[in-house]
Amino acid sequence: MTRPVSPDAPAEVGRLSREERCGLLAEARPAELQALADECLADDAEVRVLLAPEVGCVTTQVREPVAGHRFQLGDVLACRAEVELAGQRGWAMRLGDDRVATLAAAVLDAEAEAGRPRAVEVEALCRRVAARRAERLEREWAELAPTVVEFEELT
């Protein structure tokens, strides 16, 4: 039996897509987002907050894997923000109500989109978050593996 692979796992080589990057920044720890965003802003680049961090509810929809039917799972608390850094827009949405972390993630998205000096560090942060996610999934799988029932194929 093969282990499940996360459908939103980032590509191993090359630059992350914006969707992958935003998803990984949404999972990053607030302290690491804030520290890197501070470094990005240290060069006095022009930054404008286009959408101040805003907290609200987002409806969560999932797709049933066998029949493919979509249904609403419920509402979750989320925070979103948008900035412009050195002429490039950055956007972020994170679960919860941490406005500072969401604003920092938006700054990092803009930094990466603009290809500014810290873009490589933003990518590295995203890769670390992806590695943590993969380790977490691996631990979960290791806990579940002993309960898997495998059937022999009848011919």
Foldseek 3Di string as FASTA:
>chain_A
DDADDDPLQFDPDDFGDLVSLQVLLLQFDLVVLLVLLCVLCVVVWDKAWPFQKDKDKDWDWDADPPVRDIDTPGIFIKIKTWMATNNFIFIHMYTDRPRSSRVSSRSLSRCLVVVHPCVVVSRVSSVVSSVVVVVVSVVVCVVCVVVDDDDDDDD
